[in-house]
Amino acid sequence: MIPRVFVVEADELERQAAQRDVDAVANKASVDEALAEVRQRAGCNYVPASELAFARRGQLGGGSGSLSVMPVVIPIFQQLQNEAAELRRRAVQARQQEPHRAGSVEAATIDELVEIVFSDPMRVGPSVDGISAWAEQAIGKERQRRQRIQRQGGDAFVPVGAPITKLHLEWRNGTIDVSGSRVSSANQGTTAVQEVDLDTEYARAAATAQST
C-alpha cells in the first residue's frame, strides 16, 4: 500500500507539470503575438530583458575581476517552464522513494506503542495484533524472570509486581526483532530505568542484577 502512495504523489506532480507546460505555451503565444505588433509599429526588434542579460553574460561587471549583479524578471512562460521542470524532478524523486522498513520506538504502554508505530504513514511496522502479542509475551516473560531471581534471593532486584514503564520495540520489514526488543521497569525508590534483554539467560540476568 505504501509504495502506491508514492506513485499517486508522482502522478499528481506530473499532472501539475503538464498543466504548467500548457499554460507556458499559451502565455508564450500571446507574448509572441504582442511582440509582433510592437515590432511592426516600432520598426525594430524587441526582446525580453532576460534574453538581453543572458546574451551579455560575461560582459557585465565593474572591472578588475569584480562581478555585477543585475536582477532580471523572466517572462511568465519561462517561470512556468521552470516550475514544470522542478515538479518533474520531484516526481522522479517520489517514484524512487522507499518506505521505512526498519525502526525502533519506545513507549510506556501498549496503546502508546501502537500509536507511535502507526503515526508515520511511510513506515512499514508490525501489525497491531503483532505488537500486542509481543508486548503480552514480553511482559509475561519479564515477570517470570523476576520470580526466578526472587526465589534465588535477589532482594535488590525489581519486584515481581513492579509496573512495566517502558516498552522498547524494534522491527525489520514489518517483523518484530525479539532480540532487540525489551521491556523494563523503574527501580523502586529511584527514577532510573533498568532494561532487560528478553533473550538473556537467567544466570546472566541475575549476575547483572547483583552488579547494579
Protein backbone atom coordinates (compact mmCIF):
# COMPACT_ATOMS: atom_id res chain seq x y z
CA MET A 1 0.00 0.00 0.00
CA ILE A 2 2.74 2.48 0.89
CA PRO A 3 4.59 2.38 -2.47
CA ARG A 4 1.22 3.21 -4.08
CA VAL A 5 1.25 6.46 -2.10
CA PHE A 6 4.47 7.46 -3.80
CA VAL A 7 3.04 6.60 -7.22
CA VAL A 8 -0.03 8.73 -6.59
CA GLU A 9 2.15 11.62 -5.45
CA ALA A 10 4.38 11.34 -8.53
CA ASP A 11 1.37 11.18 -10.85
CA GLU A 12 -0.07 14.34 -9.30
CA LEU A 13 3.26 16.18 -9.64
CA GLU A 14 3.50 15.18 -13.29
CA ARG A 15 -0.09 16.31 -13.86
CA GLN A 16 0.78 19.70 -12.41
CA ALA A 17 3.92 19.87 -14.57
CA ALA A 18 1.91 19.12 -17.71
CA GLN A 19 -0.53 21.89 -16.82
CA ARG A 20 2.39 24.30 -16.38
CA ASP A 21 3.58 23.35 -19.88
CA VAL A 22 0.13 24.09 -21.33
CA ASP A 23 -0.02 27.43 -19.55
CA ALA A 24 3.52 28.28 -20.67
CA VAL A 25 2.71 27.57 -24.33
CA ALA A 26 -0.43 29.72 -24.14
CA ASN A 27 1.41 32.58 -22.44
CA LYS A 28 4.29 32.49 -24.90
CA ALA A 29 1.91 32.51 -27.84
CA SER A 30 0.19 35.64 -26.51
CA VAL A 31 3.58 37.28 -25.85
CA ASP A 32 4.84 36.47 -29.34
CA GLU A 33 1.67 37.89 -30.84
CA ALA A 34 2.02 41.11 -28.85
CA LEU A 35 5.73 41.43 -29.68
CA ALA A 36 4.99 41.01 -33.38
CA GLU A 37 2.67 44.02 -33.22
CA VAL A 38 5.25 46.04 -31.25
CA ARG A 39 8.00 45.24 -33.76
CA GLN A 40 5.73 46.23 -36.65
CA ARG A 41 4.86 49.56 -35.05
CA ALA A 42 8.40 50.34 -33.87
CA GLY A 43 10.16 49.11 -36.98
CA CYS A 44 12.78 47.33 -34.86
CA ASN A 45 13.19 44.24 -32.74
CA TYR A 46 12.18 43.92 -29.08
CA VAL A 47 13.32 41.16 -26.75
CA PRO A 48 12.78 40.50 -23.03
CA ALA A 49 15.40 41.97 -20.72
CA SER A 50 16.24 38.47 -19.52
CA GLU A 51 17.30 37.46 -23.03
CA LEU A 52 19.47 40.57 -23.31
CA ALA A 53 21.10 39.87 -19.97
CA PHE A 54 21.77 36.27 -20.98
CA ALA A 55 23.29 37.38 -24.29
CA ARG A 56 25.55 39.83 -22.48
CA ARG A 57 26.71 37.42 -19.78
CA GLY A 58 30.44 37.78 -19.26
CA GLN A 59 30.35 41.40 -20.44
CA LEU A 60 28.83 42.74 -17.23
CA GLY A 61 30.98 43.77 -14.30
CA GLY A 62 32.79 46.63 -12.68
CA GLY A 63 36.23 45.75 -13.93
CA SER A 64 39.25 44.31 -12.08
CA GLY A 65 37.51 40.97 -11.82
CA SER A 66 34.57 42.29 -9.84
CA LEU A 67 31.10 40.97 -10.51
CA SER A 68 27.96 42.95 -11.14
CA VAL A 69 24.57 41.50 -10.25
CA MET A 70 21.67 42.61 -12.39
CA PRO A 71 18.28 41.36 -11.21
CA VAL A 72 16.06 40.45 -14.15
CA VAL A 73 12.45 39.33 -14.19
CA ILE A 74 11.97 36.47 -16.62
CA PRO A 75 8.79 36.10 -18.67
CA ILE A 76 5.85 34.26 -17.18
CA PHE A 77 6.15 31.42 -19.70
CA GLN A 78 9.74 30.83 -18.60
CA GLN A 79 8.68 30.84 -14.96
CA LEU A 80 6.06 28.23 -15.81
CA GLN A 81 8.64 26.14 -17.69
CA ASN A 82 10.98 26.27 -14.69
CA GLU A 83 8.16 25.25 -12.36
CA ALA A 84 7.29 22.33 -14.65
CA ALA A 85 10.90 21.13 -14.61
CA GLU A 86 11.00 21.31 -10.80
CA LEU A 87 7.72 19.40 -10.49
CA ARG A 88 9.05 16.66 -12.76
CA ARG A 89 12.24 16.46 -10.70
CA ARG A 90 10.14 15.95 -7.56
CA ALA A 91 8.03 13.34 -9.36
CA VAL A 92 11.15 11.33 -10.18
CA GLN A 93 12.22 11.50 -6.54
CA ALA A 94 8.78 10.37 -5.40
CA ARG A 95 8.92 7.31 -7.65
CA GLN A 96 12.32 6.41 -6.21
CA GLN A 97 11.20 6.66 -2.58
CA GLU A 98 11.07 3.61 -0.38
CA PRO A 99 9.09 3.25 2.86
CA HIS A 100 10.92 2.91 6.17
CA ARG A 101 11.17 -0.84 6.62
CA ALA A 102 13.11 -0.87 9.88
CA GLY A 103 12.88 1.14 13.05
CA SER A 104 12.56 1.29 16.80
CA VAL A 105 10.21 3.13 19.15
CA GLU A 106 9.64 3.36 22.89
CA ALA A 107 6.51 3.97 24.93
CA ALA A 108 5.10 3.48 28.41
CA THR A 109 2.04 1.44 27.36
CA ILE A 110 0.98 -0.88 24.57
CA ASP A 111 -1.57 1.65 23.29
CA GLU A 112 1.08 4.36 23.10
CA LEU A 113 3.45 1.97 21.36
CA VAL A 114 0.88 1.17 18.68
CA GLU A 115 0.06 4.85 18.23
CA ILE A 116 3.71 5.78 17.71
CA VAL A 117 4.37 2.94 15.26
CA PHE A 118 1.42 3.97 13.09
CA SER A 119 1.99 7.73 13.41
CA ASP A 120 4.17 7.70 10.29
CA PRO A 121 2.25 6.60 7.17
CA MET A 122 5.56 5.95 5.39
CA ARG A 123 6.60 3.32 7.92
CA VAL A 124 6.26 -0.43 7.41
CA GLY A 125 5.86 -1.57 11.01
CA PRO A 126 4.44 -4.62 12.74
CA SER A 127 0.69 -5.14 12.85
CA VAL A 128 -1.40 -4.10 15.84
CA ASP A 129 -2.01 -7.76 16.70
CA GLY A 130 1.70 -8.47 16.37
CA ILE A 131 2.65 -5.63 18.70
CA SER A 132 0.04 -6.61 21.27
CA ALA A 133 1.07 -10.27 21.19
CA TRP A 134 4.76 -9.38 21.57
CA ALA A 135 4.08 -7.00 24.46
CA GLU A 136 1.97 -9.51 26.36
CA GLN A 137 4.54 -12.24 25.86
CA ALA A 138 7.44 -9.95 26.74
CA ILE A 139 5.78 -8.71 29.93
CA GLY A 140 4.90 -12.26 30.93
CA LYS A 141 8.47 -13.46 30.37
CA GLU A 142 9.82 -10.50 32.32
CA ARG A 143 7.62 -11.25 35.32
CA GLN A 144 8.59 -14.92 35.22
CA ARG A 145 12.26 -13.92 35.13
CA ARG A 146 11.77 -11.70 38.17
CA GLN A 147 10.11 -14.55 40.04
CA ARG A 148 13.07 -16.81 39.34
CA ILE A 149 15.51 -14.18 40.57
CA GLN A 150 13.41 -13.53 43.67
CA ARG A 151 13.44 -17.24 44.53
CA GLN A 152 17.21 -17.13 44.30
CA GLY A 153 17.34 -14.33 46.87
CA GLY A 154 17.71 -11.38 44.54
CA ASP A 155 16.23 -8.93 47.04
CA ALA A 156 17.77 -5.88 45.35
CA PHE A 157 16.14 -6.65 42.04
CA VAL A 158 12.97 -5.09 40.64
CA PRO A 159 9.91 -6.53 42.50
CA VAL A 160 7.83 -9.02 40.56
CA GLY A 161 4.76 -6.78 40.68
CA ALA A 162 6.54 -3.56 39.71
CA PRO A 163 4.69 -1.98 36.77
CA ILE A 164 6.24 -2.08 33.32
CA THR A 165 7.02 1.53 32.46
CA LYS A 166 9.00 1.18 29.25
CA LEU A 167 8.46 -0.91 26.14
CA HIS A 168 11.21 -0.80 23.52
CA LEU A 169 10.21 -2.24 20.15
CA GLU A 170 12.48 -2.90 17.17
CA TRP A 171 11.48 -4.36 13.80
CA ARG A 172 12.69 -5.01 10.28
CA ASN A 173 10.49 -5.44 7.22
CA GLY A 174 7.40 -5.44 9.39
CA THR A 175 8.69 -8.26 11.61
CA ILE A 176 9.47 -7.66 15.27
CA ASP A 177 13.11 -8.16 16.21
CA VAL A 178 12.69 -10.02 19.50
CA SER A 179 16.41 -9.91 20.28
CA GLY A 180 16.44 -6.11 20.17
CA SER A 181 13.04 -5.52 21.77
CA ARG A 182 12.61 -5.41 25.54
CA VAL A 183 10.51 -4.20 28.45
CA SER A 184 11.64 -2.60 31.71
CA SER A 185 10.53 -1.02 34.97
CA ALA A 186 11.77 1.87 37.06
CA ASN A 187 13.68 0.71 40.14
CA GLN A 188 11.87 1.26 43.43
CA GLY A 189 12.82 4.48 45.14
CA THR A 190 14.69 5.83 42.11
CA THR A 191 13.93 7.22 38.70
CA ALA A 192 16.50 5.01 36.99
CA VAL A 193 15.28 2.56 34.39
CA GLN A 194 16.65 -0.95 34.22
CA GLU A 195 16.44 -2.51 30.76
CA VAL A 196 16.23 -6.27 30.42
CA ASP A 197 17.15 -8.25 27.32
CA LEU A 198 14.46 -10.89 26.95
CA ASP A 199 16.82 -13.35 25.26
CA THR A 200 19.40 -13.23 28.06
CA GLU A 201 19.68 -16.39 30.10
CA TYR A 202 18.57 -16.33 33.71
CA ALA A 203 22.09 -16.66 35.06
CA ARG A 204 23.30 -13.67 33.12
CA ALA A 205 20.29 -11.59 34.16
CA ALA A 206 20.84 -12.49 37.79
CA ALA A 207 24.52 -11.56 37.61
CA THR A 208 23.62 -8.23 36.02
CA ALA A 209 21.10 -7.57 38.78
CA GLN A 210 23.63 -8.26 41.53
CA SER A 211 26.23 -5.98 39.95
CA THR A 212 23.87 -2.97 39.74
